Amino acid sequence: ERFNKQKPHSFEKATAPVDAENWISHTECMQRFLRLAGFLGAAAGTEEEQAKNFQ
């Protein structure tokens, strides 16, 4: 749920393998960030603050 609220970029096609690798890397980074934010709880800030800090 929180992952989808971050409005991740959808992957449609890649013209080069590096595009797919970058998308995967970005998605994995977002998931790690959300897990950390969940672990920190209120200290991580509101969902809006977290989204702003992630970008």
N, C-alpha and C. Protein backbone atom coordinates (compact mmCIF):
# COMPACT_ATOMS: atom_id res chain seq x y z
N GLU A 1 0.82 -1.19 0.00
CA GLU A 1 0.00 0.00 0.00
C GLU A 1 0.87 1.26 0.00
N ARG A 2 1.82 1.32 0.92
CA ARG A 2 2.68 2.51 0.98
C ARG A 2 3.51 2.65 -0.29
N PHE A 3 3.92 1.52 -0.85
CA PHE A 3 4.71 1.55 -2.08
C PHE A 3 3.91 2.22 -3.20
N ASN A 4 2.65 1.84 -3.33
CA ASN A 4 1.82 2.41 -4.39
C ASN A 4 1.52 3.88 -4.15
N LYS A 5 1.47 4.32 -2.89
CA LYS A 5 1.24 5.73 -2.60
C LYS A 5 2.40 6.59 -3.06
N GLN A 6 3.58 6.00 -3.21
CA GLN A 6 4.74 6.75 -3.68
C GLN A 6 4.69 6.96 -5.19
N LYS A 7 3.70 6.39 -5.84
CA LYS A 7 3.50 6.50 -7.29
C LYS A 7 4.77 6.13 -8.06
N PRO A 8 5.18 4.88 -7.94
CA PRO A 8 6.39 4.47 -8.64
C PRO A 8 6.20 4.52 -10.16
N HIS A 9 7.27 4.76 -10.85
CA HIS A 9 7.22 4.75 -12.31
C HIS A 9 6.91 3.34 -12.78
N SER A 10 6.00 3.23 -13.74
CA SER A 10 5.72 1.90 -14.28
C SER A 10 6.72 1.60 -15.38
N PHE A 11 6.98 0.33 -15.56
CA PHE A 11 7.94 -0.09 -16.57
C PHE A 11 7.16 -0.58 -17.78
N GLU A 12 7.33 0.06 -18.90
CA GLU A 12 6.60 -0.33 -20.10
C GLU A 12 7.51 -0.99 -21.13
N LYS A 13 8.63 -0.36 -21.41
CA LYS A 13 9.58 -0.95 -22.36
C LYS A 13 10.93 -0.29 -22.16
N ALA A 14 11.93 -0.95 -22.65
CA ALA A 14 13.28 -0.40 -22.55
C ALA A 14 13.94 -0.49 -23.92
N THR A 15 14.63 0.57 -24.26
CA THR A 15 15.36 0.55 -25.53
C THR A 15 16.75 -0.03 -25.35
N ALA A 16 17.19 -0.08 -24.09
CA ALA A 16 18.50 -0.64 -23.77
C ALA A 16 18.41 -1.37 -22.43
N PRO A 17 19.21 -2.41 -22.26
CA PRO A 17 19.19 -3.15 -20.99
C PRO A 17 19.43 -2.26 -19.77
N VAL A 18 20.23 -1.22 -19.93
CA VAL A 18 20.53 -0.34 -18.80
C VAL A 18 19.26 0.36 -18.31
N ASP A 19 18.30 0.62 -19.19
CA ASP A 19 17.04 1.24 -18.77
C ASP A 19 16.29 0.33 -17.81
N ALA A 20 16.25 -0.94 -18.12
CA ALA A 20 15.58 -1.91 -17.25
C ALA A 20 16.32 -2.03 -15.93
N GLU A 21 17.63 -2.06 -15.98
CA GLU A 21 18.43 -2.16 -14.75
C GLU A 21 18.22 -0.93 -13.86
N ASN A 22 18.15 0.25 -14.46
CA ASN A 22 17.92 1.47 -13.69
C ASN A 22 16.55 1.46 -13.04
N TRP A 23 15.53 0.98 -13.78
CA TRP A 23 14.18 0.91 -13.21
C TRP A 23 14.15 -0.05 -12.03
N ILE A 24 14.77 -1.21 -12.17
CA ILE A 24 14.82 -2.19 -11.08
C ILE A 24 15.54 -1.60 -9.89
N SER A 25 16.66 -0.95 -10.12
CA SER A 25 17.44 -0.35 -9.04
C SER A 25 16.61 0.71 -8.31
N HIS A 26 15.93 1.55 -9.05
CA HIS A 26 15.09 2.60 -8.45
C HIS A 26 13.97 1.98 -7.61
N THR A 27 13.33 0.95 -8.13
CA THR A 27 12.23 0.29 -7.42
C THR A 27 12.74 -0.37 -6.14
N GLU A 28 13.88 -1.04 -6.21
CA GLU A 28 14.45 -1.68 -5.03
C GLU A 28 14.83 -0.63 -3.98
N CYS A 29 15.36 0.49 -4.41
CA CYS A 29 15.73 1.57 -3.49
C CYS A 29 14.48 2.11 -2.79
N MET A 30 13.41 2.29 -3.53
CA MET A 30 12.16 2.78 -2.94
C MET A 30 11.63 1.79 -1.90
N GLN A 31 11.71 0.50 -2.20
CA GLN A 31 11.24 -0.51 -1.25
C GLN A 31 12.09 -0.51 0.01
N ARG A 32 13.40 -0.38 -0.12
CA ARG A 32 14.28 -0.32 1.06
C ARG A 32 13.96 0.91 1.90
N PHE A 33 13.74 2.03 1.24
CA PHE A 33 13.40 3.27 1.94
C PHE A 33 12.11 3.11 2.74
N LEU A 34 11.11 2.50 2.13
CA LEU A 34 9.83 2.32 2.82
C LEU A 34 9.95 1.36 4.00
N ARG A 35 10.77 0.32 3.85
CA ARG A 35 10.98 -0.60 4.98
C ARG A 35 11.66 0.14 6.13
N LEU A 36 12.65 0.95 5.82
CA LEU A 36 13.34 1.72 6.85
C LEU A 36 12.39 2.71 7.51
N ALA A 37 11.58 3.38 6.71
CA ALA A 37 10.62 4.34 7.26
C ALA A 37 9.63 3.63 8.17
N GLY A 38 9.22 2.42 7.81
CA GLY A 38 8.32 1.65 8.67
C GLY A 38 8.98 1.27 9.97
N PHE A 39 10.25 0.96 9.91
CA PHE A 39 11.01 0.59 11.11
C PHE A 39 11.16 1.79 12.04
N LEU A 40 11.40 2.95 11.46
CA LEU A 40 11.59 4.16 12.26
C LEU A 40 10.29 4.69 12.86
N GLY A 41 9.19 4.38 12.23
CA GLY A 41 7.90 4.85 12.73
C GLY A 41 7.75 6.35 12.60
N ALA A 42 7.26 6.98 13.66
CA ALA A 42 6.96 8.42 13.63
C ALA A 42 8.20 9.27 13.38
N ALA A 43 9.37 8.77 13.75
CA ALA A 43 10.60 9.53 13.55
C ALA A 43 10.90 9.75 12.07
N ALA A 44 10.32 8.93 11.21
CA ALA A 44 10.55 9.05 9.77
C ALA A 44 9.73 10.19 9.16
N GLY A 45 8.75 10.71 9.87
CA GLY A 45 7.91 11.79 9.36
C GLY A 45 6.64 11.26 8.74
N THR A 46 5.83 12.17 8.24
CA THR A 46 4.57 11.78 7.59
C THR A 46 4.88 11.16 6.23
N GLU A 47 3.86 10.54 5.64
CA GLU A 47 4.06 9.94 4.32
C GLU A 47 4.45 11.00 3.29
N GLU A 48 3.88 12.19 3.41
CA GLU A 48 4.21 13.27 2.48
C GLU A 48 5.66 13.71 2.64
N GLU A 49 6.12 13.82 3.89
CA GLU A 49 7.52 14.19 4.15
C GLU A 49 8.46 13.11 3.63
N GLN A 50 8.09 11.86 3.82
CA GLN A 50 8.92 10.76 3.34
C GLN A 50 9.01 10.80 1.82
N ALA A 51 7.89 11.02 1.15
CA ALA A 51 7.89 11.07 -0.32
C ALA A 51 8.76 12.22 -0.80
N LYS A 52 8.68 13.37 -0.14
CA LYS A 52 9.49 14.53 -0.52
C LYS A 52 10.97 14.23 -0.35
N ASN A 53 11.34 13.59 0.76
CA ASN A 53 12.74 13.27 1.03
C ASN A 53 13.27 12.20 0.10
N PHE A 54 12.40 11.31 -0.35
CA PHE A 54 12.85 10.23 -1.24
C PHE A 54 13.23 10.77 -2.60
N GLN A 55 12.48 11.75 -3.09
CA GLN A 55 12.73 12.27 -4.43
C GLN A 55 13.96 13.11 -4.40
